[in-house]
């Protein structure tokens, strides 16, 4: 099966739609929102890329079913929440005058 990798960050939503045109419309509609190249470098982008990799894997190993579509929509909701949480944590640490530590392990404000 085709995969969005190796360069999902460079794909636009339109390119994803074209690339997956052979798939069910609902799968394509969900998949287009997993692009992450528009995000600035850093943890939110890395987090988004990780979730996109999971979506890509699911799209490549599962057939087009209502459950795949539902799972992709739920994963997209989760990705949006994770990215907003990462951005908010960095902004909170910054506004409190504390340098933030953002890594793949956790986000913490240094005391």
C-alpha atoms as a PDB file:
ATOM      1  CA  UNK A   1       0.000   0.000   0.000  1.00  0.00           C
ATOM      2  CA  UNK A   2       1.250   3.546  -0.627  1.00  0.00           C
ATOM      3  CA  UNK A   3       2.381   5.590   2.322  1.00  0.00           C
ATOM      4  CA  UNK A   4       2.532   9.307   3.019  1.00  0.00           C
ATOM      5  CA  UNK A   5       6.132   8.934   4.095  1.00  0.00           C
ATOM      6  CA  UNK A   6       8.970   9.798   3.642  1.00  0.00           C
ATOM      7  CA  UNK A   7       8.031  13.478   3.464  1.00  0.00           C
ATOM      8  CA  UNK A   8       4.613  14.163   5.018  1.00  0.00           C
ATOM      9  CA  UNK A   9       5.889  17.515   6.295  1.00  0.00           C
ATOM     10  CA  UNK A  10       6.314  18.694   2.741  1.00  0.00           C
ATOM     11  CA  UNK A  11       2.882  17.550   1.599  1.00  0.00           C
ATOM     12  CA  UNK A  12       0.038  19.995   1.457  1.00  0.00           C
ATOM     13  CA  UNK A  13      -3.528  18.991   2.197  1.00  0.00           C
ATOM     14  CA  UNK A  14      -4.202  19.013  -1.549  1.00  0.00           C
ATOM     15  CA  UNK A  15      -1.261  16.688  -2.209  1.00  0.00           C
ATOM     16  CA  UNK A  16      -2.497  14.282   0.451  1.00  0.00           C
ATOM     17  CA  UNK A  17      -5.950  14.301  -1.159  1.00  0.00           C
ATOM     18  CA  UNK A  18      -4.427  13.563  -4.560  1.00  0.00           C
ATOM     19  CA  UNK A  19      -2.087  10.903  -3.198  1.00  0.00           C
ATOM     20  CA  UNK A  20      -4.914   9.060  -1.471  1.00  0.00           C
ATOM     21  CA  UNK A  21      -7.511   9.662  -4.194  1.00  0.00           C
ATOM     22  CA  UNK A  22      -7.944   5.904  -4.615  1.00  0.00           C
ATOM     23  CA  UNK A  23      -9.133   5.567  -0.998  1.00  0.00           C
ATOM     24  CA  UNK A  24     -12.567   6.121   0.491  1.00  0.00           C
ATOM     25  CA  UNK A  25     -13.527   9.794   0.560  1.00  0.00           C
ATOM     26  CA  UNK A  26     -13.997   9.812   4.342  1.00  0.00           C
ATOM     27  CA  UNK A  27     -10.485   8.413   4.876  1.00  0.00           C
ATOM     28  CA  UNK A  28      -9.034  11.051   2.553  1.00  0.00           C
ATOM     29  CA  UNK A  29     -10.988  13.809   4.290  1.00  0.00           C
ATOM     30  CA  UNK A  30      -9.511  12.821   7.656  1.00  0.00           C
ATOM     31  CA  UNK A  31      -5.979  12.101   6.381  1.00  0.00           C
ATOM     32  CA  UNK A  32      -5.502  15.553   4.875  1.00  0.00           C
ATOM     33  CA  UNK A  33      -5.466  17.132   8.348  1.00  0.00           C
ATOM     34  CA  UNK A  34      -2.449  15.170   9.586  1.00  0.00           C
ATOM     35  CA  UNK A  35       0.063  17.337   7.716  1.00  0.00           C
ATOM     36  CA  UNK A  36       2.466  19.069  10.083  1.00  0.00           C
ATOM     37  CA  UNK A  37       4.997  20.959   7.985  1.00  0.00           C
ATOM     38  CA  UNK A  38       3.242  24.252   8.738  1.00  0.00           C
ATOM     39  CA  UNK A  39       4.105  24.006  12.437  1.00  0.00           C
ATOM     40  CA  UNK A  40       7.259  25.701  13.728  1.00  0.00           C
ATOM     41  CA  UNK A  41      10.232  23.534  14.688  1.00  0.00           C
ATOM     42  CA  UNK A  42       9.999  22.143  18.188  1.00  0.00           C
ATOM     43  CA  UNK A  43       7.992  19.843  20.387  1.00  0.00           C
ATOM     44  CA  UNK A  44       4.482  20.654  19.050  1.00  0.00           C
ATOM     45  CA  UNK A  45       5.690  19.836  15.529  1.00  0.00           C
ATOM     46  CA  UNK A  46       7.437  16.659  16.691  1.00  0.00           C
ATOM     47  CA  UNK A  47       4.339  15.592  18.588  1.00  0.00           C
ATOM     48  CA  UNK A  48       2.135  16.239  15.579  1.00  0.00           C
ATOM     49  CA  UNK A  49       4.522  14.283  13.353  1.00  0.00           C
ATOM     50  CA  UNK A  50       4.369  11.305  15.700  1.00  0.00           C
ATOM     51  CA  UNK A  51       0.586  11.254  15.598  1.00  0.00           C
ATOM     52  CA  UNK A  52       0.699  11.640  11.797  1.00  0.00           C
ATOM     53  CA  UNK A  53       2.953   8.588  11.631  1.00  0.00           C
ATOM     54  CA  UNK A  54       0.369   6.577  13.555  1.00  0.00           C
ATOM     55  CA  UNK A  55      -2.395   7.771  11.206  1.00  0.00           C
ATOM     56  CA  UNK A  56      -0.207   6.903   8.213  1.00  0.00           C
ATOM     57  CA  UNK A  57       0.411   3.427   9.602  1.00  0.00           C
ATOM     58  CA  UNK A  58      -3.311   2.822  10.189  1.00  0.00           C
ATOM     59  CA  UNK A  59      -4.178   4.034   6.688  1.00  0.00           C
ATOM     60  CA  UNK A  60      -1.601   1.677   5.213  1.00  0.00           C
ATOM     61  CA  UNK A  61      -2.515  -1.490   7.100  1.00  0.00           C
ATOM     62  CA  UNK A  62      -6.282  -1.212   7.485  1.00  0.00           C
ATOM     63  CA  UNK A  63      -9.008  -1.402   4.863  1.00  0.00           C
ATOM     64  CA  UNK A  64     -11.414   1.479   4.320  1.00  0.00           C
ATOM     65  CA  UNK A  65     -14.112   0.869   6.901  1.00  0.00           C
ATOM     66  CA  UNK A  66     -16.275   3.060   9.090  1.00  0.00           C
ATOM     67  CA  UNK A  67     -14.055   2.079  12.031  1.00  0.00           C
ATOM     68  CA  UNK A  68     -10.906   3.330  10.287  1.00  0.00           C
ATOM     69  CA  UNK A  69     -12.598   6.618   9.488  1.00  0.00           C
ATOM     70  CA  UNK A  70     -13.868   6.972  13.041  1.00  0.00           C
ATOM     71  CA  UNK A  71     -10.442   6.128  14.455  1.00  0.00           C
ATOM     72  CA  UNK A  72      -8.772   8.721  12.229  1.00  0.00           C
ATOM     73  CA  UNK A  73     -11.245  11.388  13.295  1.00  0.00           C
ATOM     74  CA  UNK A  74     -10.645  10.563  16.962  1.00  0.00           C
ATOM     75  CA  UNK A  75      -6.894  10.545  16.440  1.00  0.00           C
ATOM     76  CA  UNK A  76      -7.143  13.932  14.753  1.00  0.00           C
ATOM     77  CA  UNK A  77      -9.059  15.307  17.743  1.00  0.00           C
ATOM     78  CA  UNK A  78      -6.393  13.921  20.068  1.00  0.00           C
ATOM     79  CA  UNK A  79      -3.571  15.371  17.955  1.00  0.00           C
ATOM     80  CA  UNK A  80      -5.183  18.814  18.051  1.00  0.00           C
ATOM     81  CA  UNK A  81      -5.517  18.608  21.835  1.00  0.00           C
ATOM     82  CA  UNK A  82      -1.912  17.434  22.277  1.00  0.00           C
ATOM     83  CA  UNK A  83      -0.527  20.212  20.100  1.00  0.00           C
ATOM     84  CA  UNK A  84      -2.605  22.885  21.853  1.00  0.00           C
ATOM     85  CA  UNK A  85      -1.454  21.554  25.237  1.00  0.00           C
ATOM     86  CA  UNK A  86       2.193  21.673  24.156  1.00  0.00           C
ATOM     87  CA  UNK A  87       1.863  25.210  22.820  1.00  0.00           C
ATOM     88  CA  UNK A  88       0.015  26.384  25.941  1.00  0.00           C
ATOM     89  CA  UNK A  89       2.605  24.828  28.259  1.00  0.00           C
ATOM     90  CA  UNK A  90       5.418  26.578  26.417  1.00  0.00           C
ATOM     91  CA  UNK A  91       3.547  29.901  26.469  1.00  0.00           C
ATOM     92  CA  UNK A  92       2.713  29.550  30.178  1.00  0.00           C
ATOM     93  CA  UNK A  93       6.327  28.867  31.054  1.00  0.00           C
ATOM     94  CA  UNK A  94       7.457  31.790  28.931  1.00  0.00           C
ATOM     95  CA  UNK A  95       4.955  34.258  30.409  1.00  0.00           C
ATOM     96  CA  UNK A  96       5.960  33.224  33.918  1.00  0.00           C
ATOM     97  CA  UNK A  97       9.526  34.185  33.075  1.00  0.00           C
ATOM     98  CA  UNK A  98      10.740  30.624  33.333  1.00  0.00           C
ATOM     99  CA  UNK A  99      12.679  29.072  30.499  1.00  0.00           C
ATOM    100  CA  UNK A 100      10.821  26.028  29.361  1.00  0.00           C
ATOM    101  CA  UNK A 101      12.205  22.606  28.745  1.00  0.00           C
ATOM    102  CA  UNK A 102      10.399  20.924  25.895  1.00  0.00           C
ATOM    103  CA  UNK A 103      11.490  17.491  24.844  1.00  0.00           C
ATOM    104  CA  UNK A 104      10.017  14.250  23.645  1.00  0.00           C
ATOM    105  CA  UNK A 105       9.804  13.119  27.260  1.00  0.00           C
ATOM    106  CA  UNK A 106       7.817  15.911  28.885  1.00  0.00           C
ATOM    107  CA  UNK A 107       7.263  19.634  29.121  1.00  0.00           C
ATOM    108  CA  UNK A 108       8.278  21.273  32.358  1.00  0.00           C
ATOM    109  CA  UNK A 109       8.885  24.789  33.561  1.00  0.00           C
ATOM    110  CA  UNK A 110      12.231  25.079  35.270  1.00  0.00           C
ATOM    111  CA  UNK A 111      12.314  26.674  38.717  1.00  0.00           C
END
